[in-house]
């Protein structure tokens, strides 16, 4: 979908497959904790303690990942029927 004008927030969506949100590097564990809390609210489950994690959401298996290499990337990837991504 693009980046904000200041290049601090990016959203990439591949419909029915994945969603990735990127931000500049955030200090400490707060970003991962907030991502986990958002996952818990959306799925009605518990916040994951680590990433990547596989969670069933609306009857579909997804992999959630938080990648901190070169910034913060928050990933929601639909897991294929064969169990592969």
N, C-alpha and C. Protein backbone atom coordinates (compact mmCIF):
# COMPACT_ATOMS: atom_id res chain seq x y z
N UNK A 1 0.83 -1.20 0.00
CA UNK A 1 0.00 0.00 0.00
C UNK A 1 0.86 1.24 0.00
N UNK A 2 2.06 1.17 0.58
CA UNK A 2 2.95 2.31 0.52
C UNK A 2 3.49 2.73 1.87
N UNK A 3 4.13 3.88 1.86
CA UNK A 3 4.77 4.45 3.04
C UNK A 3 4.11 5.77 3.39
N UNK A 4 4.22 6.15 4.66
CA UNK A 4 3.78 7.48 5.05
C UNK A 4 4.77 8.49 4.46
N UNK A 5 4.37 9.75 4.31
CA UNK A 5 5.27 10.74 3.72
C UNK A 5 6.63 10.85 4.41
N UNK A 6 6.68 10.62 5.72
CA UNK A 6 7.95 10.71 6.43
C UNK A 6 8.75 9.41 6.40
N UNK A 7 8.24 8.40 5.69
CA UNK A 7 8.91 7.10 5.53
C UNK A 7 9.05 6.32 6.84
N UNK A 8 8.25 6.64 7.85
CA UNK A 8 8.37 5.97 9.15
C UNK A 8 7.42 4.78 9.30
N UNK A 9 6.43 4.68 8.45
CA UNK A 9 5.48 3.57 8.55
C UNK A 9 5.18 3.06 7.15
N UNK A 10 5.37 1.76 6.96
CA UNK A 10 5.07 1.14 5.67
C UNK A 10 4.10 -0.01 5.84
N UNK A 11 3.22 -0.19 4.89
CA UNK A 11 2.26 -1.28 4.91
C UNK A 11 2.31 -1.98 3.57
N UNK A 12 2.49 -3.30 3.62
CA UNK A 12 2.50 -4.13 2.42
C UNK A 12 1.44 -5.20 2.60
N UNK A 13 0.53 -5.30 1.66
CA UNK A 13 -0.54 -6.29 1.75
C UNK A 13 -0.61 -7.09 0.46
N UNK A 14 -0.63 -8.40 0.62
CA UNK A 14 -0.91 -9.30 -0.49
C UNK A 14 -2.23 -9.97 -0.09
N UNK A 15 -3.35 -9.55 -0.68
CA UNK A 15 -4.67 -10.02 -0.24
C UNK A 15 -4.74 -11.54 -0.07
N UNK A 16 -5.34 -11.95 1.02
CA UNK A 16 -5.57 -13.36 1.38
C UNK A 16 -4.27 -14.14 1.60
N UNK A 17 -3.12 -13.44 1.67
CA UNK A 17 -1.85 -14.13 1.85
C UNK A 17 -1.01 -13.56 2.98
N UNK A 18 -0.76 -12.24 2.96
CA UNK A 18 0.10 -11.68 3.99
C UNK A 18 -0.13 -10.19 4.17
N UNK A 19 0.31 -9.72 5.34
CA UNK A 19 0.31 -8.30 5.67
C UNK A 19 1.60 -8.03 6.44
N UNK A 20 2.33 -6.99 6.05
CA UNK A 20 3.57 -6.62 6.72
C UNK A 20 3.51 -5.12 7.01
N UNK A 21 3.80 -4.76 8.26
CA UNK A 21 3.90 -3.37 8.66
C UNK A 21 5.33 -3.14 9.11
N UNK A 22 5.96 -2.08 8.61
CA UNK A 22 7.34 -1.79 8.98
C UNK A 22 7.44 -0.40 9.61
N UNK A 23 8.33 -0.29 10.59
CA UNK A 23 8.60 0.97 11.27
C UNK A 23 10.10 1.05 11.54
N UNK A 24 10.60 2.24 11.88
CA UNK A 24 12.00 2.32 12.30
C UNK A 24 12.22 1.49 13.56
N UNK A 25 13.47 1.20 13.86
CA UNK A 25 13.84 0.43 15.05
C UNK A 25 13.32 1.12 16.31
N UNK A 26 12.73 0.31 17.19
CA UNK A 26 12.24 0.78 18.48
C UNK A 26 13.11 0.17 19.57
N UNK A 27 13.50 0.93 20.58
CA UNK A 27 14.34 0.36 21.64
C UNK A 27 13.55 -0.59 22.55
N UNK A 28 14.22 -1.62 23.03
CA UNK A 28 13.62 -2.52 24.01
C UNK A 28 12.56 -3.44 23.43
N UNK A 29 11.86 -4.16 24.33
CA UNK A 29 10.88 -5.15 23.91
C UNK A 29 9.46 -4.62 23.72
N UNK A 30 9.24 -3.33 23.89
CA UNK A 30 7.87 -2.79 23.87
C UNK A 30 7.14 -3.05 22.56
N UNK A 31 7.82 -2.93 21.42
CA UNK A 31 7.15 -3.13 20.13
C UNK A 31 6.65 -4.56 19.98
N UNK A 32 7.46 -5.53 20.36
CA UNK A 32 7.04 -6.94 20.28
C UNK A 32 5.89 -7.20 21.24
N UNK A 33 5.94 -6.62 22.42
CA UNK A 33 4.86 -6.81 23.39
C UNK A 33 3.55 -6.22 22.88
N UNK A 34 3.61 -5.04 22.27
CA UNK A 34 2.40 -4.43 21.72
C UNK A 34 1.84 -5.25 20.57
N UNK A 35 2.73 -5.79 19.73
CA UNK A 35 2.29 -6.65 18.63
C UNK A 35 1.60 -7.89 19.20
N UNK A 36 2.19 -8.50 20.21
CA UNK A 36 1.59 -9.67 20.85
C UNK A 36 0.23 -9.36 21.45
N UNK A 37 0.09 -8.20 22.08
CA UNK A 37 -1.19 -7.80 22.66
C UNK A 37 -2.23 -7.58 21.58
N UNK A 38 -1.83 -7.00 20.44
CA UNK A 38 -2.75 -6.80 19.32
C UNK A 38 -3.22 -8.14 18.76
N UNK A 39 -2.32 -9.10 18.67
CA UNK A 39 -2.68 -10.44 18.21
C UNK A 39 -3.68 -11.07 19.17
N UNK A 40 -3.43 -10.94 20.47
CA UNK A 40 -4.33 -11.51 21.48
C UNK A 40 -5.71 -10.90 21.39
N UNK A 41 -5.79 -9.58 21.23
CA UNK A 41 -7.10 -8.92 21.11
C UNK A 41 -7.84 -9.39 19.86
N UNK A 42 -7.14 -9.50 18.75
CA UNK A 42 -7.77 -9.88 17.48
C UNK A 42 -8.22 -11.34 17.47
N UNK A 43 -7.46 -12.21 18.12
CA UNK A 43 -7.77 -13.64 18.07
C UNK A 43 -8.55 -14.14 19.27
N UNK A 44 -8.65 -13.30 20.31
CA UNK A 44 -9.33 -13.74 21.53
C UNK A 44 -8.50 -14.73 22.33
N UNK A 45 -7.21 -14.81 22.03
CA UNK A 45 -6.32 -15.73 22.73
C UNK A 45 -5.35 -15.00 23.62
N UNK A 46 -4.22 -15.64 23.85
CA UNK A 46 -3.17 -15.07 24.68
C UNK A 46 -2.10 -14.43 23.79
N UNK A 47 -1.40 -13.47 24.35
CA UNK A 47 -0.30 -12.85 23.62
C UNK A 47 0.85 -13.85 23.51
N UNK A 48 1.40 -14.01 22.33
CA UNK A 48 2.52 -14.94 22.18
C UNK A 48 3.74 -14.46 22.96
N UNK A 49 4.48 -15.41 23.51
CA UNK A 49 5.67 -15.07 24.27
C UNK A 49 6.90 -14.92 23.40
N UNK A 50 6.84 -15.43 22.17
CA UNK A 50 7.98 -15.35 21.25
C UNK A 50 7.47 -15.46 19.82
N UNK A 51 8.33 -15.08 18.89
CA UNK A 51 8.01 -15.12 17.47
C UNK A 51 9.09 -15.89 16.74
N UNK A 52 8.78 -16.53 15.63
CA UNK A 52 7.46 -16.62 15.00
C UNK A 52 6.54 -17.55 15.79
N UNK A 53 5.25 -17.39 15.56
CA UNK A 53 4.25 -18.22 16.22
C UNK A 53 3.12 -18.52 15.22
N UNK A 54 2.62 -19.74 15.25
CA UNK A 54 1.49 -20.13 14.40
C UNK A 54 0.21 -20.06 15.24
N UNK A 55 -0.80 -19.37 14.71
CA UNK A 55 -2.07 -19.18 15.41
C UNK A 55 -3.21 -19.34 14.41
N UNK A 56 -4.27 -20.00 14.83
CA UNK A 56 -5.47 -20.09 13.99
C UNK A 56 -6.31 -18.85 14.25
N UNK A 57 -6.61 -18.12 13.18
CA UNK A 57 -7.37 -16.88 13.25
C UNK A 57 -8.51 -16.97 12.25
N UNK A 58 -9.74 -16.83 12.73
CA UNK A 58 -10.93 -16.97 11.89
C UNK A 58 -10.93 -18.29 11.12
N UNK A 59 -10.48 -19.36 11.78
CA UNK A 59 -10.48 -20.68 11.18
C UNK A 59 -9.35 -20.95 10.21
N UNK A 60 -8.45 -20.00 10.03
CA UNK A 60 -7.33 -20.14 9.09
C UNK A 60 -6.00 -20.09 9.85
N UNK A 61 -5.05 -20.94 9.50
CA UNK A 61 -3.74 -20.89 10.17
C UNK A 61 -2.86 -19.76 9.62
N UNK A 62 -2.30 -18.97 10.53
CA UNK A 62 -1.40 -17.88 10.18
C UNK A 62 -0.12 -17.99 10.98
N UNK A 63 0.94 -17.47 10.41
CA UNK A 63 2.20 -17.33 11.11
C UNK A 63 2.40 -15.84 11.37
N UNK A 64 2.64 -15.51 12.62
CA UNK A 64 2.93 -14.13 13.02
C UNK A 64 4.42 -14.05 13.34
N UNK A 65 5.06 -13.00 12.85
CA UNK A 65 6.49 -12.87 13.09
C UNK A 65 6.84 -11.40 13.33
N UNK A 66 7.81 -11.19 14.19
CA UNK A 66 8.35 -9.85 14.45
C UNK A 66 9.83 -9.91 14.12
N UNK A 67 10.23 -9.22 13.07
CA UNK A 67 11.62 -9.21 12.62
C UNK A 67 12.23 -7.85 12.93
N UNK A 68 13.33 -7.83 13.66
CA UNK A 68 13.96 -6.57 14.08
C UNK A 68 15.21 -6.23 13.28
N UNK A 69 15.45 -6.91 12.19
CA UNK A 69 16.65 -6.69 11.40
C UNK A 69 16.48 -5.43 10.54
N UNK A 70 17.15 -4.34 10.91
CA UNK A 70 17.09 -3.10 10.14
C UNK A 70 15.83 -2.30 10.35
N UNK A 71 15.16 -2.48 11.43
CA UNK A 71 13.89 -1.80 11.74
C UNK A 71 12.96 -2.81 12.38
N UNK A 72 11.69 -2.50 12.40
CA UNK A 72 10.70 -3.41 12.96
C UNK A 72 9.76 -3.84 11.83
N UNK A 73 9.62 -5.14 11.62
CA UNK A 73 8.67 -5.66 10.65
C UNK A 73 7.71 -6.58 11.38
N UNK A 74 6.43 -6.29 11.28
CA UNK A 74 5.38 -7.08 11.91
C UNK A 74 4.66 -7.82 10.79
N UNK A 75 4.72 -9.15 10.83
CA UNK A 75 4.27 -9.96 9.70
C UNK A 75 3.13 -10.88 10.11
N UNK A 76 2.10 -10.95 9.27
CA UNK A 76 1.01 -11.91 9.39
C UNK A 76 0.94 -12.64 8.06
N UNK A 77 1.30 -13.91 8.05
CA UNK A 77 1.41 -14.69 6.82
C UNK A 77 0.48 -15.88 6.89
N UNK A 78 -0.40 -16.03 5.90
CA UNK A 78 -1.31 -17.17 5.86
C UNK A 78 -0.53 -18.43 5.55
N UNK A 79 -0.70 -19.43 6.39
CA UNK A 79 0.01 -20.69 6.19
C UNK A 79 -0.72 -21.52 5.14
N UNK A 80 0.04 -22.08 4.20
CA UNK A 80 -0.54 -22.87 3.12
C UNK A 80 -1.19 -24.15 3.62
N UNK A 81 -2.07 -24.70 2.84
CA UNK A 81 -2.77 -25.93 3.20
C UNK A 81 -1.83 -27.09 3.44
N UNK A 82 -0.66 -27.07 2.79
CA UNK A 82 0.31 -28.15 2.94
C UNK A 82 1.16 -27.98 4.18
N UNK A 83 0.95 -26.85 4.92
CA UNK A 83 1.74 -26.59 6.10
C UNK A 83 3.00 -25.80 5.80
N UNK A 84 3.20 -25.46 4.52
CA UNK A 84 4.38 -24.67 4.13
C UNK A 84 3.93 -23.24 3.87
N UNK A 85 4.87 -22.29 3.96
CA UNK A 85 4.56 -20.89 3.71
C UNK A 85 4.87 -20.55 2.28
